[in-house]
């Protein structure tokens, strides 16, 4: 049981960045804009949040308060960076894949340059500990308390709250319906008075918020609050895209996809704790490849059934109605 608790406690902080970034990609793509730039937005949000933490870590502020403030900064940074994609893809009607790829390539180099100039290192290293040994009251609940509310991060609770909010917005609001209409039939949406350009800007901005927060949560739950220009976010942005496709652009399925891939990653780093896997004598590097191999296998078997929004990746031109 101790091993199971350990896997759950270490899996959830990894699942939350995947979940939030995949949800961000979902909001962008259902509006009609392919967001390949998720990796870059994650790193951009994580960088500014880590920079904030670096400057306030010796101020005596409560770590969880710092985390919440840094989360807001990461969200704001994510929005600002995503506006570059919005401007290029929606206003200028540029190729969305090429634009997203260029945005991904820009940020790691920029962070590396900044860190070398001002910190004489490859990234930003912080010393503030956001780890929660036990959540008051909830941590005392038998079984559930130990699995989900002990030895964890506040990022897990926030991630689940944002999942609920995203699901409500996606399914139960007029905004969500209009957003999906712009990704499926933008000309029909325009004919009933919906401003397609504004809705697509909104979808990409929401994507920026969630991806920026997801980048910071990655640095907290996986990198202990640090941001590195060399390693970036280790391909989590692209893995989140795979989770989004695996989840069929639906919040509930995306959540289970995030849990699945996070479990594989946690398992890969916990082989020594599982006698059966440890005794096989397989090099640990192969276990670390599992999440990415699983991504390829899952996408190979589910790609035929996946149904992307009909108008995603197609710049909206009113004159072509």
Protein backbone atom coordinates (compact mmCIF):
# COMPACT_ATOMS: atom_id res chain seq x y z
CA UNK A 1 0.00 0.00 0.00
CA UNK A 2 2.87 2.37 0.72
CA UNK A 3 4.02 2.02 -2.89
CA UNK A 4 0.51 2.78 -4.18
CA UNK A 5 0.27 5.87 -2.00
CA UNK A 6 3.69 6.96 -3.19
CA UNK A 7 2.71 6.57 -6.86
CA UNK A 8 -0.51 8.53 -6.40
CA UNK A 9 1.16 11.31 -4.41
CA UNK A 10 3.85 11.72 -7.07
CA UNK A 11 1.58 11.18 -10.07
CA UNK A 12 -0.88 14.01 -9.37
CA UNK A 13 1.63 16.91 -9.42
CA UNK A 14 2.81 15.62 -12.80
CA UNK A 15 -0.74 15.15 -14.13
CA UNK A 16 -1.86 18.71 -13.34
CA UNK A 17 0.48 20.51 -15.80
CA UNK A 18 -0.51 18.02 -18.51
CA UNK A 19 -4.18 18.51 -17.70
CA UNK A 20 -4.11 22.31 -17.71
CA UNK A 21 -2.00 22.63 -20.86
CA UNK A 22 -4.17 20.08 -22.70
CA UNK A 23 -7.29 21.99 -21.62
CA UNK A 24 -5.65 25.15 -22.91
CA UNK A 25 -4.99 23.49 -26.25
CA UNK A 26 -8.61 22.34 -26.31
CA UNK A 27 -10.01 25.87 -25.88
CA UNK A 28 -7.77 27.17 -28.64
CA UNK A 29 -8.51 24.39 -31.11
CA UNK A 30 -12.27 24.28 -30.59
CA UNK A 31 -12.26 27.98 -31.52
CA UNK A 32 -10.44 27.09 -34.74
CA UNK A 33 -6.78 27.90 -33.94
CA UNK A 34 -4.17 25.13 -33.73
CA UNK A 35 -1.90 25.94 -30.80
CA UNK A 36 1.43 24.26 -31.41
CA UNK A 37 3.00 26.97 -29.22
CA UNK A 38 1.89 25.36 -25.95
CA UNK A 39 5.44 24.36 -25.13
CA UNK A 40 6.68 27.91 -25.54
CA UNK A 41 3.77 29.40 -23.58
CA UNK A 42 4.42 26.97 -20.73
CA UNK A 43 8.06 27.98 -20.55
CA UNK A 44 7.23 31.70 -20.82
CA UNK A 45 4.74 31.49 -17.94
CA UNK A 46 7.07 29.37 -15.82
CA UNK A 47 9.95 31.77 -16.40
CA UNK A 48 8.16 34.89 -15.15
CA UNK A 49 6.56 33.03 -12.26
CA UNK A 50 9.96 31.66 -11.21
CA UNK A 51 11.46 35.13 -11.56
CA UNK A 52 8.79 36.46 -9.17
CA UNK A 53 9.46 33.64 -6.70
CA UNK A 54 13.20 34.34 -6.90
CA UNK A 55 12.75 37.96 -5.85
CA UNK A 56 10.26 37.32 -2.99
CA UNK A 57 11.59 34.04 -1.60
CA UNK A 58 13.45 35.78 1.23
CA UNK A 59 10.64 38.19 2.08
CA UNK A 60 9.03 35.93 4.70
CA UNK A 61 5.78 35.51 2.75
CA UNK A 62 3.82 32.31 3.15
CA UNK A 63 4.91 29.85 0.41
CA UNK A 64 1.32 29.08 -0.60
CA UNK A 65 0.57 32.80 -0.96
CA UNK A 66 3.66 33.15 -3.13
CA UNK A 67 2.49 30.19 -5.20
CA UNK A 68 -0.91 31.80 -5.82
CA UNK A 69 0.62 35.14 -6.78
CA UNK A 70 3.17 33.44 -9.03
CA UNK A 71 0.33 31.49 -10.64
CA UNK A 72 -1.41 34.76 -11.56
CA UNK A 73 1.83 36.10 -13.02
CA UNK A 74 2.27 32.91 -15.03
CA UNK A 75 -1.30 33.28 -16.34
CA UNK A 76 -0.69 36.90 -17.36
CA UNK A 77 2.59 35.97 -19.07
CA UNK A 78 0.85 33.13 -20.89
CA UNK A 79 -1.84 35.49 -22.19
CA UNK A 80 0.73 38.01 -23.42
CA UNK A 81 2.72 35.38 -25.28
CA UNK A 82 -0.38 33.74 -26.73
CA UNK A 83 -1.42 37.11 -28.20
CA UNK A 84 1.49 36.76 -30.62
CA UNK A 85 -0.10 33.57 -31.92
CA UNK A 86 -3.55 35.23 -32.03
CA UNK A 87 -2.26 38.20 -33.98
CA UNK A 88 -0.39 36.05 -36.48
CA UNK A 89 -3.04 33.33 -36.91
CA UNK A 90 -6.29 35.28 -36.60
CA UNK A 91 -5.50 38.83 -37.72
CA UNK A 92 -2.69 38.17 -40.20
CA UNK A 93 -4.01 34.74 -41.25
CA UNK A 94 -0.53 33.22 -41.08
CA UNK A 95 0.13 29.49 -41.06
CA UNK A 96 -0.70 28.41 -37.51
CA UNK A 97 1.70 25.46 -37.32
CA UNK A 98 4.70 27.45 -38.50
CA UNK A 99 3.83 30.36 -36.19
CA UNK A 100 3.47 28.03 -33.20
CA UNK A 101 6.73 26.28 -33.99
CA UNK A 102 8.63 29.57 -34.20
CA UNK A 103 7.18 30.67 -30.85
CA UNK A 104 8.36 27.40 -29.32
CA UNK A 105 11.89 27.90 -30.65
CA UNK A 106 12.20 31.49 -29.45
CA UNK A 107 11.63 31.14 -25.70
CA UNK A 108 14.25 28.53 -24.64
CA UNK A 109 16.98 30.55 -26.35
CA UNK A 110 15.73 33.82 -24.83
CA UNK A 111 15.59 32.34 -21.32
CA UNK A 112 19.06 30.84 -21.70
CA UNK A 113 20.45 34.20 -22.81
CA UNK A 114 18.72 36.08 -19.97
CA UNK A 115 19.85 33.56 -17.36
CA UNK A 116 23.46 33.66 -18.59
CA UNK A 117 23.46 37.47 -18.54
CA UNK A 118 21.91 38.02 -15.10
CA UNK A 119 22.30 34.78 -13.15
CA UNK A 120 25.37 33.21 -14.76
CA UNK A 121 23.50 29.91 -15.07
CA UNK A 122 21.25 27.99 -17.48
CA UNK A 123 18.04 29.07 -15.76
CA UNK A 124 16.44 30.42 -12.61
CA UNK A 125 16.94 28.47 -9.41
CA UNK A 126 14.65 29.19 -6.45
CA UNK A 127 14.86 27.96 -2.87
CA UNK A 128 11.22 28.30 -1.77
CA UNK A 129 9.54 25.03 -0.83
CA UNK A 130 5.88 24.71 -1.88
CA UNK A 131 5.53 21.16 -0.61
CA UNK A 132 2.57 20.45 1.71
CA UNK A 133 3.15 17.65 4.20
CA UNK A 134 -0.54 17.37 5.06
CA UNK A 135 -3.63 19.40 4.15
CA UNK A 136 -5.50 20.34 7.37
CA UNK A 137 -8.67 18.27 8.02
CA UNK A 138 -8.69 16.65 4.54
CA UNK A 139 -5.40 14.89 5.22
CA UNK A 140 -7.01 13.04 8.15
CA UNK A 141 -9.59 11.27 5.98
CA UNK A 142 -8.85 7.51 5.93
CA UNK A 143 -7.23 6.21 2.71
CA UNK A 144 -8.35 9.18 0.56
CA UNK A 145 -6.65 11.67 2.84
CA UNK A 146 -3.32 9.91 2.71
CA UNK A 147 -3.48 9.35 -1.04
CA UNK A 148 -4.61 12.80 -2.15
CA UNK A 149 -4.03 15.29 0.68
CA UNK A 150 -0.70 14.27 2.16
CA UNK A 151 2.76 14.92 0.70
CA UNK A 152 1.34 16.98 -2.13
CA UNK A 153 1.20 20.47 -3.62
CA UNK A 154 -1.50 23.09 -3.73
CA UNK A 155 -1.19 22.82 -7.52
CA UNK A 156 -3.17 19.56 -7.42
CA UNK A 157 -6.20 21.16 -5.78
CA UNK A 158 -6.03 24.23 -8.03
CA UNK A 159 -5.72 22.01 -11.10
CA UNK A 160 -8.86 20.06 -10.20
CA UNK A 161 -10.76 23.32 -9.54
CA UNK A 162 -9.71 24.66 -12.95
CA UNK A 163 -10.85 21.38 -14.53
CA UNK A 164 -14.33 21.84 -13.05
CA UNK A 165 -14.47 25.49 -14.15
CA UNK A 166 -13.30 24.57 -17.66
CA UNK A 167 -15.93 21.85 -17.94
CA UNK A 168 -18.72 24.22 -16.88
CA UNK A 169 -17.53 26.94 -19.27
CA UNK A 170 -17.16 24.45 -22.12
CA UNK A 171 -20.54 22.74 -21.78
CA UNK A 172 -22.85 24.98 -19.77
CA UNK A 173 -22.28 28.55 -20.93
CA UNK A 174 -23.23 30.58 -23.99
CA UNK A 175 -19.57 31.47 -24.40
CA UNK A 176 -18.58 27.80 -24.64
CA UNK A 177 -21.28 27.11 -27.24
CA UNK A 178 -20.17 30.08 -29.34
CA UNK A 179 -16.53 29.07 -29.05
CA UNK A 180 -17.27 25.59 -30.33
CA UNK A 181 -19.41 27.01 -33.14
CA UNK A 182 -16.47 29.11 -34.34
CA UNK A 183 -14.35 25.99 -34.61
CA UNK A 184 -16.98 23.91 -36.36
CA UNK A 185 -18.91 26.32 -38.61
CA UNK A 186 -17.44 29.83 -38.38
CA UNK A 187 -19.51 31.18 -41.28
CA UNK A 188 -22.73 29.93 -39.67
CA UNK A 189 -21.63 31.49 -36.38
CA UNK A 190 -20.91 34.78 -38.13
CA UNK A 191 -24.32 34.72 -39.79
CA UNK A 192 -26.03 34.87 -36.38
CA UNK A 193 -23.93 37.77 -35.14
CA UNK A 194 -20.99 36.02 -33.44
CA UNK A 195 -17.68 37.79 -33.97
CA UNK A 196 -15.47 34.89 -35.03
CA UNK A 197 -12.21 36.83 -34.73
CA UNK A 198 -12.98 37.91 -31.16
CA UNK A 199 -14.01 34.40 -30.15
CA UNK A 200 -10.82 32.96 -31.58
CA UNK A 201 -8.78 35.57 -29.76
CA UNK A 202 -10.65 34.59 -26.57
CA UNK A 203 -9.99 30.89 -27.13
CA UNK A 204 -6.26 31.44 -27.64
CA UNK A 205 -6.09 33.76 -24.60
CA UNK A 206 -7.73 31.10 -22.40
CA UNK A 207 -5.22 28.67 -23.84
CA UNK A 208 -2.45 31.07 -22.82
CA UNK A 209 -3.79 31.37 -19.28
CA UNK A 210 -3.99 27.62 -18.74
CA UNK A 211 -0.69 26.84 -20.48
CA UNK A 212 1.11 29.58 -18.52
CA UNK A 213 -0.23 28.20 -15.24
CA UNK A 214 0.57 24.68 -16.41
CA UNK A 215 4.16 25.70 -17.08
CA UNK A 216 4.54 27.10 -13.58
CA UNK A 217 2.89 24.02 -12.06
CA UNK A 218 5.37 21.90 -14.01
CA UNK A 219 8.27 23.83 -12.50
CA UNK A 220 6.75 23.39 -9.01
CA UNK A 221 5.62 19.76 -9.14
CA UNK A 222 8.34 18.33 -11.37
CA UNK A 223 11.34 20.69 -11.24
CA UNK A 224 11.08 21.86 -7.58
CA UNK A 225 10.36 25.44 -8.62
CA UNK A 226 13.27 25.81 -11.06
CA UNK A 227 13.23 26.82 -14.71
CA UNK A 228 16.04 25.81 -17.08
CA UNK A 229 16.63 27.18 -20.56
CA UNK A 230 18.29 23.96 -21.76
CA UNK A 231 15.70 21.40 -20.68
CA UNK A 232 12.68 23.72 -20.88
CA UNK A 233 9.56 21.78 -19.99
CA UNK A 234 10.87 18.48 -21.37
CA UNK A 235 8.33 18.17 -24.16
CA UNK A 236 5.31 18.46 -21.87
CA UNK A 237 3.67 20.91 -24.27
CA UNK A 238 3.73 18.35 -27.07
CA UNK A 239 2.71 15.58 -24.71
CA UNK A 240 -0.24 17.76 -23.69
CA UNK A 241 -1.22 18.01 -27.36
CA UNK A 242 -1.21 14.21 -27.51
CA UNK A 243 -3.35 14.08 -24.35
CA UNK A 244 -5.77 16.55 -25.92
CA UNK A 245 -6.12 14.44 -29.08
CA UNK A 246 -6.38 11.27 -26.98
CA UNK A 247 -9.13 13.00 -24.98
CA UNK A 248 -11.03 13.93 -28.15
CA UNK A 249 -11.09 17.63 -27.23
CA UNK A 250 -13.32 16.89 -24.23
CA UNK A 251 -12.42 17.93 -20.63
CA UNK A 252 -13.37 14.64 -18.93
CA UNK A 253 -11.44 12.46 -21.33
CA UNK A 254 -8.48 14.83 -21.22
CA UNK A 255 -8.38 14.42 -17.44
CA UNK A 256 -8.14 10.62 -17.69
CA UNK A 257 -5.54 10.92 -20.44
CA UNK A 258 -3.45 13.17 -18.20
CA UNK A 259 -3.68 10.68 -15.34
CA UNK A 260 -2.66 7.84 -17.66
CA UNK A 261 0.47 9.53 -18.99
CA UNK A 262 1.43 10.94 -15.60
CA UNK A 263 1.13 7.46 -14.08
CA UNK A 264 3.49 6.04 -16.71
CA UNK A 265 6.02 8.79 -16.07
CA UNK A 266 5.83 8.36 -12.29
CA UNK A 267 6.15 4.60 -12.67
CA UNK A 268 9.27 5.07 -14.81
CA UNK A 269 10.94 7.07 -12.03
CA UNK A 270 9.81 4.64 -9.29
CA UNK A 271 11.07 1.33 -10.67
CA UNK A 272 13.43 0.78 -7.73
CA UNK A 273 10.44 0.79 -5.35
CA UNK A 274 8.59 -1.95 -7.25
CA UNK A 275 10.35 -5.33 -6.79
CA UNK A 276 8.75 -6.96 -9.83
CA UNK A 277 9.98 -4.25 -12.23
CA UNK A 278 13.32 -3.80 -10.49
CA UNK A 279 14.13 -7.51 -10.66
CA UNK A 280 13.65 -7.56 -14.44
CA UNK A 281 17.02 -5.83 -14.75
CA UNK A 282 15.89 -3.52 -17.56
CA UNK A 283 17.85 -0.28 -17.90
CA UNK A 284 15.94 2.60 -16.30
CA UNK A 285 16.26 4.65 -19.48
CA UNK A 286 13.77 2.38 -21.22
CA UNK A 287 11.22 2.95 -18.48
CA UNK A 288 11.65 6.71 -18.88
CA UNK A 289 10.78 6.31 -22.55
CA UNK A 290 7.43 4.71 -21.68
CA UNK A 291 5.21 7.84 -21.64
CA UNK A 292 6.42 8.89 -25.07
CA UNK A 293 6.20 5.40 -26.57
CA UNK A 294 2.71 5.06 -25.09
CA UNK A 295 1.83 8.40 -26.70
CA UNK A 296 2.77 7.11 -30.14
CA UNK A 297 0.95 3.80 -29.64
CA UNK A 298 -2.23 5.40 -28.32
CA UNK A 299 -2.32 8.00 -31.10
CA UNK A 300 -1.69 5.31 -33.72
CA UNK A 301 -4.74 3.37 -32.56
CA UNK A 302 -7.04 6.31 -31.83
CA UNK A 303 -6.18 8.72 -34.65
CA UNK A 304 -8.70 7.15 -37.04
CA UNK A 305 -11.52 7.76 -34.59
CA UNK A 306 -10.42 11.24 -33.53
CA UNK A 307 -12.64 14.04 -34.73
CA UNK A 308 -10.99 17.44 -34.61
CA UNK A 309 -13.03 20.64 -34.97
CA UNK A 310 -13.83 21.00 -38.69
CA UNK A 311 -12.48 24.52 -39.09
CA UNK A 312 -9.35 24.25 -36.95
CA UNK A 313 -6.26 25.58 -38.67
CA UNK A 314 -8.30 27.38 -41.33
CA UNK A 315 -8.06 31.20 -41.15
CA UNK A 316 -11.52 32.73 -41.19
CA UNK A 317 -12.29 34.85 -44.23
CA UNK A 318 -15.71 36.49 -44.21
CA UNK A 319 -15.69 36.95 -47.98
CA UNK A 320 -15.60 33.18 -48.57
CA UNK A 321 -19.01 32.56 -47.02
